[in-house]
Amino acid sequence: MRPEDITRLFVERSNAGDAAGVAALYEGDAVMAFPPGELTVGRDAIRALREKVLAAGPRFEPEQPLPTLLSGDVALTSTPPKDGTGARAQVVRRRPDGSRLRLLDQSEFAPAPTVAPGD
């Protein structure tokens, strides 16, 4: 499995309404920065949050991944949202069996405000 495959699986499982399957993509002590302004910590909490989110029946569209940065067993993956606002980034770690799980998930970055020269 490539690190960026987790994003594809996240979309597929979310669109299937599979909160447990989404949570299985995360390490047991993973940290997700969602909902905005809050942290969701641990696979069980991520599953519970995804159950609430997926109950509303949202549809997720695949996003083209940006180049993945690798350092040993750790990878940084990212995608630009289709609406052109901000970015998404995840830290993924390879496990001893070769599989990969998300450790950190920043699902929404707002773009930095533009500052005019002299401000």
N, C-alpha and C. Protein backbone atom coordinates (compact mmCIF):
# COMPACT_ATOMS: atom_id res chain seq x y z
N MET A 1 0.84 -1.18 0.00
CA MET A 1 0.00 0.00 0.00
C MET A 1 0.89 1.24 0.00
N ARG A 2 0.55 2.18 -0.86
CA ARG A 2 1.25 3.47 -0.88
C ARG A 2 0.58 4.41 0.12
N PRO A 3 1.30 5.36 0.69
CA PRO A 3 0.70 6.26 1.67
C PRO A 3 -0.55 6.98 1.15
N GLU A 4 -0.51 7.40 -0.11
CA GLU A 4 -1.64 8.15 -0.67
C GLU A 4 -2.87 7.27 -0.92
N ASP A 5 -2.71 5.94 -0.87
CA ASP A 5 -3.86 5.04 -1.01
C ASP A 5 -4.86 5.24 0.12
N ILE A 6 -4.39 5.68 1.28
CA ILE A 6 -5.30 5.85 2.41
C ILE A 6 -6.35 6.91 2.10
N THR A 7 -5.98 7.95 1.37
CA THR A 7 -6.96 8.98 1.01
C THR A 7 -8.04 8.40 0.11
N ARG A 8 -7.64 7.57 -0.85
CA ARG A 8 -8.63 6.92 -1.73
C ARG A 8 -9.55 6.02 -0.92
N LEU A 9 -8.98 5.24 -0.01
CA LEU A 9 -9.80 4.35 0.82
C LEU A 9 -10.72 5.14 1.75
N PHE A 10 -10.25 6.27 2.26
CA PHE A 10 -11.08 7.14 3.09
C PHE A 10 -12.32 7.57 2.32
N VAL A 11 -12.16 8.00 1.08
CA VAL A 11 -13.29 8.44 0.25
C VAL A 11 -14.22 7.27 -0.03
N GLU A 12 -13.67 6.13 -0.43
CA GLU A 12 -14.50 4.96 -0.74
C GLU A 12 -15.31 4.51 0.47
N ARG A 13 -14.67 4.40 1.61
CA ARG A 13 -15.36 3.92 2.82
C ARG A 13 -16.37 4.96 3.33
N SER A 14 -16.01 6.22 3.23
CA SER A 14 -16.95 7.28 3.65
C SER A 14 -18.19 7.25 2.78
N ASN A 15 -18.02 7.13 1.48
CA ASN A 15 -19.17 7.12 0.57
C ASN A 15 -20.02 5.87 0.75
N ALA A 16 -19.44 4.81 1.30
CA ALA A 16 -20.19 3.59 1.61
C ALA A 16 -20.86 3.67 2.98
N GLY A 17 -20.62 4.77 3.71
CA GLY A 17 -21.19 4.92 5.04
C GLY A 17 -20.51 4.05 6.09
N ASP A 18 -19.27 3.63 5.83
CA ASP A 18 -18.55 2.69 6.67
C ASP A 18 -17.64 3.42 7.67
N ALA A 19 -18.21 3.89 8.77
CA ALA A 19 -17.44 4.63 9.77
C ALA A 19 -16.36 3.76 10.40
N ALA A 20 -16.66 2.49 10.67
CA ALA A 20 -15.66 1.59 11.24
C ALA A 20 -14.51 1.37 10.26
N GLY A 21 -14.83 1.26 8.98
CA GLY A 21 -13.80 1.10 7.96
C GLY A 21 -12.92 2.33 7.83
N VAL A 22 -13.52 3.51 7.97
CA VAL A 22 -12.74 4.75 7.95
C VAL A 22 -11.82 4.77 9.17
N ALA A 23 -12.35 4.48 10.34
CA ALA A 23 -11.56 4.50 11.57
C ALA A 23 -10.41 3.50 11.51
N ALA A 24 -10.59 2.39 10.80
CA ALA A 24 -9.54 1.38 10.68
C ALA A 24 -8.33 1.88 9.90
N LEU A 25 -8.46 3.02 9.24
CA LEU A 25 -7.34 3.62 8.51
C LEU A 25 -6.42 4.42 9.42
N TYR A 26 -6.78 4.53 10.70
CA TYR A 26 -6.04 5.35 11.67
C TYR A 26 -5.38 4.48 12.72
N GLU A 27 -4.22 4.93 13.21
CA GLU A 27 -3.59 4.27 14.35
C GLU A 27 -4.48 4.43 15.57
N GLY A 28 -4.29 3.58 16.56
CA GLY A 28 -5.12 3.61 17.76
C GLY A 28 -5.09 4.93 18.50
N ASP A 29 -3.96 5.63 18.45
CA ASP A 29 -3.83 6.90 19.15
C ASP A 29 -3.74 8.09 18.20
N ALA A 30 -4.27 7.93 16.99
CA ALA A 30 -4.22 8.98 15.98
C ALA A 30 -4.92 10.25 16.46
N VAL A 31 -4.50 11.37 15.88
CA VAL A 31 -5.10 12.67 16.18
C VAL A 31 -5.62 13.27 14.88
N MET A 32 -6.90 13.64 14.91
CA MET A 32 -7.55 14.27 13.76
C MET A 32 -7.98 15.68 14.18
N ALA A 33 -7.60 16.66 13.38
CA ALA A 33 -8.01 18.05 13.64
C ALA A 33 -9.36 18.28 12.97
N PHE A 34 -10.40 17.73 13.60
CA PHE A 34 -11.77 17.87 13.09
C PHE A 34 -12.70 17.48 14.22
N PRO A 35 -13.83 18.17 14.37
CA PRO A 35 -14.32 19.30 13.59
C PRO A 35 -13.40 20.52 13.71
N PRO A 36 -13.57 21.48 12.79
CA PRO A 36 -12.69 22.66 12.79
C PRO A 36 -12.57 23.28 14.17
N GLY A 37 -11.33 23.51 14.57
CA GLY A 37 -11.06 24.11 15.87
C GLY A 37 -11.00 23.12 17.02
N GLU A 38 -11.20 21.84 16.74
CA GLU A 38 -11.17 20.81 17.78
C GLU A 38 -10.27 19.66 17.35
N LEU A 39 -9.90 18.83 18.32
CA LEU A 39 -9.13 17.62 18.05
C LEU A 39 -9.96 16.40 18.42
N THR A 40 -9.89 15.39 17.60
CA THR A 40 -10.50 14.10 17.88
C THR A 40 -9.35 13.12 18.03
N VAL A 41 -9.23 12.50 19.20
CA VAL A 41 -8.06 11.68 19.52
C VAL A 41 -8.46 10.23 19.73
N GLY A 42 -7.78 9.34 19.01
CA GLY A 42 -7.99 7.90 19.18
C GLY A 42 -8.96 7.33 18.15
N ARG A 43 -8.70 6.09 17.77
CA ARG A 43 -9.51 5.42 16.75
C ARG A 43 -10.98 5.33 17.14
N ASP A 44 -11.28 5.05 18.41
CA ASP A 44 -12.68 4.94 18.84
C ASP A 44 -13.40 6.28 18.70
N ALA A 45 -12.73 7.37 19.08
CA ALA A 45 -13.34 8.69 18.95
C ALA A 45 -13.51 9.08 17.49
N ILE A 46 -12.55 8.70 16.65
CA ILE A 46 -12.66 8.97 15.21
C ILE A 46 -13.83 8.21 14.63
N ARG A 47 -13.99 6.95 15.02
CA ARG A 47 -15.13 6.16 14.54
C ARG A 47 -16.46 6.81 14.95
N ALA A 48 -16.57 7.23 16.21
CA ALA A 48 -17.80 7.86 16.69
C ALA A 48 -18.08 9.15 15.93
N LEU A 49 -17.05 9.94 15.69
CA LEU A 49 -17.23 11.19 14.93
C LEU A 49 -17.67 10.88 13.51
N ARG A 50 -17.02 9.91 12.86
CA ARG A 50 -17.37 9.58 11.48
C ARG A 50 -18.79 9.03 11.40
N GLU A 51 -19.24 8.29 12.42
CA GLU A 51 -20.63 7.81 12.43
C GLU A 51 -21.59 8.99 12.36
N LYS A 52 -21.33 10.02 13.16
CA LYS A 52 -22.19 11.21 13.16
C LYS A 52 -22.14 11.92 11.81
N VAL A 53 -20.94 12.11 11.29
CA VAL A 53 -20.78 12.81 10.01
C VAL A 53 -21.44 12.03 8.89
N LEU A 54 -21.19 10.73 8.83
CA LEU A 54 -21.71 9.91 7.72
C LEU A 54 -23.21 9.68 7.81
N ALA A 55 -23.80 9.85 8.98
CA ALA A 55 -25.25 9.70 9.12
C ALA A 55 -26.01 10.70 8.26
N ALA A 56 -25.37 11.83 7.97
CA ALA A 56 -26.00 12.85 7.13
C ALA A 56 -25.90 12.51 5.64
N GLY A 57 -25.17 11.45 5.29
CA GLY A 57 -25.07 11.00 3.91
C GLY A 57 -24.25 11.88 2.99
N PRO A 58 -23.16 12.48 3.47
CA PRO A 58 -22.36 13.32 2.56
C PRO A 58 -21.68 12.47 1.49
N ARG A 59 -21.40 13.08 0.37
CA ARG A 59 -20.66 12.42 -0.71
C ARG A 59 -19.30 13.09 -0.82
N PHE A 60 -18.27 12.29 -0.86
CA PHE A 60 -16.90 12.79 -0.97
C PHE A 60 -16.40 12.52 -2.38
N GLU A 61 -15.71 13.49 -2.93
CA GLU A 61 -15.12 13.35 -4.25
C GLU A 61 -13.63 13.10 -4.10
N PRO A 62 -13.08 12.19 -4.90
CA PRO A 62 -11.63 11.98 -4.84
C PRO A 62 -10.90 13.26 -5.23
N GLU A 63 -9.78 13.50 -4.55
CA GLU A 63 -8.94 14.65 -4.86
C GLU A 63 -7.57 14.15 -5.28
N GLN A 64 -7.00 14.82 -6.26
CA GLN A 64 -5.69 14.41 -6.78
C GLN A 64 -4.61 14.68 -5.72
N PRO A 65 -3.87 13.65 -5.30
CA PRO A 65 -2.85 13.87 -4.27
C PRO A 65 -1.68 14.70 -4.80
N LEU A 66 -1.12 15.50 -3.90
CA LEU A 66 0.13 16.19 -4.19
C LEU A 66 1.27 15.21 -3.95
N PRO A 67 2.48 15.52 -4.39
CA PRO A 67 3.58 14.57 -4.17
C PRO A 67 3.75 14.24 -2.69
N THR A 68 3.97 12.97 -2.42
CA THR A 68 4.15 12.47 -1.06
C THR A 68 5.61 12.65 -0.64
N LEU A 69 5.82 13.10 0.60
CA LEU A 69 7.16 13.19 1.17
C LEU A 69 7.39 11.98 2.06
N LEU A 70 8.49 11.28 1.83
CA LEU A 70 8.80 10.07 2.60
C LEU A 70 10.09 10.24 3.39
N SER A 71 10.09 9.74 4.61
CA SER A 71 11.29 9.66 5.43
C SER A 71 11.19 8.39 6.25
N GLY A 72 11.88 7.35 5.80
CA GLY A 72 11.80 6.06 6.48
C GLY A 72 10.38 5.53 6.48
N ASP A 73 9.83 5.28 7.66
CA ASP A 73 8.49 4.72 7.78
C ASP A 73 7.40 5.79 7.84
N VAL A 74 7.78 7.06 7.77
CA VAL A 74 6.82 8.15 7.91
C VAL A 74 6.63 8.85 6.56
N ALA A 75 5.39 9.20 6.26
CA ALA A 75 5.08 9.90 5.02
C ALA A 75 4.14 11.06 5.31
N LEU A 76 4.30 12.13 4.54
CA LEU A 76 3.37 13.26 4.59
C LEU A 76 2.62 13.25 3.27
N THR A 77 1.31 13.08 3.36
CA THR A 77 0.46 13.12 2.17
C THR A 77 -0.41 14.37 2.24
N SER A 78 -0.83 14.84 1.08
CA SER A 78 -1.67 16.03 1.05
C SER A 78 -2.48 16.08 -0.24
N THR A 79 -3.57 16.80 -0.17
CA THR A 79 -4.41 17.03 -1.35
C THR A 79 -4.96 18.45 -1.28
N PRO A 80 -5.11 19.08 -2.43
CA PRO A 80 -5.81 20.36 -2.45
C PRO A 80 -7.31 20.09 -2.61
N PRO A 81 -8.16 20.70 -1.80
CA PRO A 81 -9.60 20.50 -1.96
C PRO A 81 -10.07 20.95 -3.34
N LYS A 82 -11.05 20.26 -3.87
CA LYS A 82 -11.57 20.60 -5.20
C LYS A 82 -12.13 22.01 -5.28
N ASP A 83 -12.58 22.56 -4.14
CA ASP A 83 -13.13 23.92 -4.17
C ASP A 83 -12.03 24.99 -4.15
N GLY A 84 -10.75 24.56 -4.11
CA GLY A 84 -9.65 25.50 -4.18
C GLY A 84 -9.34 26.24 -2.89
N THR A 85 -9.97 25.85 -1.80
CA THR A 85 -9.73 26.54 -0.54
C THR A 85 -8.82 25.71 0.34
N GLY A 86 -7.70 26.28 0.75
CA GLY A 86 -6.83 25.63 1.71
C GLY A 86 -6.17 24.37 1.19
N ALA A 87 -5.99 23.41 2.11
CA ALA A 87 -5.33 22.15 1.79
C ALA A 87 -5.68 21.12 2.86
N ARG A 88 -5.30 19.88 2.59
CA ARG A 88 -5.46 18.79 3.55
C ARG A 88 -4.10 18.09 3.66
N ALA A 89 -3.74 17.66 4.85
CA ALA A 89 -2.45 16.96 5.03
C ALA A 89 -2.60 15.87 6.08
N GLN A 90 -1.87 14.79 5.86
CA GLN A 90 -1.90 13.66 6.80
C GLN A 90 -0.49 13.11 6.96
N VAL A 91 -0.19 12.66 8.16
CA VAL A 91 1.05 11.93 8.43
C VAL A 91 0.66 10.47 8.54
N VAL A 92 1.34 9.66 7.75
CA VAL A 92 1.06 8.22 7.66
C VAL A 92 2.31 7.47 8.09
N ARG A 93 2.12 6.39 8.84
CA ARG A 93 3.26 5.61 9.30
C ARG A 93 3.13 4.17 8.80
N ARG A 94 4.26 3.63 8.31
CA ARG A 94 4.29 2.23 7.88
C ARG A 94 4.45 1.35 9.12
N ARG A 95 3.66 0.31 9.17
CA ARG A 95 3.68 -0.63 10.29
C ARG A 95 4.63 -1.79 9.95
N PRO A 96 5.02 -2.59 10.93
CA PRO A 96 5.96 -3.70 10.67
C PRO A 96 5.50 -4.66 9.58
N ASP A 97 4.16 -4.82 9.42
CA ASP A 97 3.66 -5.74 8.38
C ASP A 97 3.61 -5.10 6.99
N GLY A 98 4.04 -3.83 6.88
CA GLY A 98 4.06 -3.15 5.58
C GLY A 98 2.82 -2.31 5.33
N SER A 99 1.77 -2.51 6.12
CA SER A 99 0.57 -1.68 5.95
C SER A 99 0.87 -0.27 6.46
N ARG A 100 -0.01 0.65 6.16
CA ARG A 100 0.16 2.04 6.59
C ARG A 100 -1.13 2.52 7.23
N LEU A 101 -0.97 3.35 8.25
CA LEU A 101 -2.12 3.95 8.92
C LEU A 101 -1.84 5.43 9.16
N ARG A 102 -2.91 6.21 9.21
CA ARG A 102 -2.77 7.62 9.53
C ARG A 102 -2.47 7.79 11.01
N LEU A 103 -1.55 8.70 11.27
CA LEU A 103 -1.20 9.06 12.64
C LEU A 103 -1.74 10.46 12.97
N LEU A 104 -1.61 11.38 12.02
CA LEU A 104 -2.10 12.75 12.17
C LEU A 104 -2.91 13.11 10.94
N ASP A 105 -4.02 13.81 11.14
CA ASP A 105 -4.89 14.18 10.03
C ASP A 105 -5.37 15.61 10.21
N GLN A 106 -4.86 16.49 9.37
CA GLN A 106 -5.31 17.89 9.33
C GLN A 106 -6.16 18.00 8.07
N SER A 107 -7.47 17.81 8.25
CA SER A 107 -8.34 17.69 7.07
C SER A 107 -8.72 19.03 6.45
N GLU A 108 -8.49 20.11 7.16
CA GLU A 108 -8.83 21.42 6.59
C GLU A 108 -7.82 22.47 7.03
N PHE A 109 -7.10 23.02 6.08
CA PHE A 109 -6.25 24.18 6.32
C PHE A 109 -6.88 25.35 5.59
N ALA A 110 -7.10 26.43 6.25
CA ALA A 110 -7.58 27.63 5.57
C ALA A 110 -6.38 28.35 4.97
N PRO A 111 -6.56 28.96 3.79
CA PRO A 111 -5.44 29.70 3.21
C PRO A 111 -5.10 30.89 4.11
N ALA A 112 -3.82 31.24 4.11
CA ALA A 112 -3.38 32.39 4.89
C ALA A 112 -3.97 33.67 4.29
N PRO A 113 -4.34 34.62 5.13
CA PRO A 113 -4.87 35.86 4.59
C PRO A 113 -3.81 36.60 3.79
N THR A 114 -4.25 37.26 2.75
CA THR A 114 -3.36 38.05 1.93
C THR A 114 -3.11 39.38 2.62
N VAL A 115 -1.84 39.74 2.73
CA VAL A 115 -1.48 41.01 3.35
C VAL A 115 -0.91 41.91 2.28
N ALA A 116 -1.48 43.10 2.19
CA ALA A 116 -1.01 44.07 1.19
C ALA A 116 0.32 44.64 1.65
N PRO A 117 1.23 44.98 0.71
CA PRO A 117 2.51 45.59 1.09
C PRO A 117 2.25 46.85 1.92
N GLY A 118 3.02 47.00 2.99
CA GLY A 118 2.89 48.16 3.84
C GLY A 118 1.91 47.98 4.99
N ASP A 119 1.18 46.87 5.01
CA ASP A 119 0.24 46.63 6.11
C ASP A 119 0.92 46.01 7.30
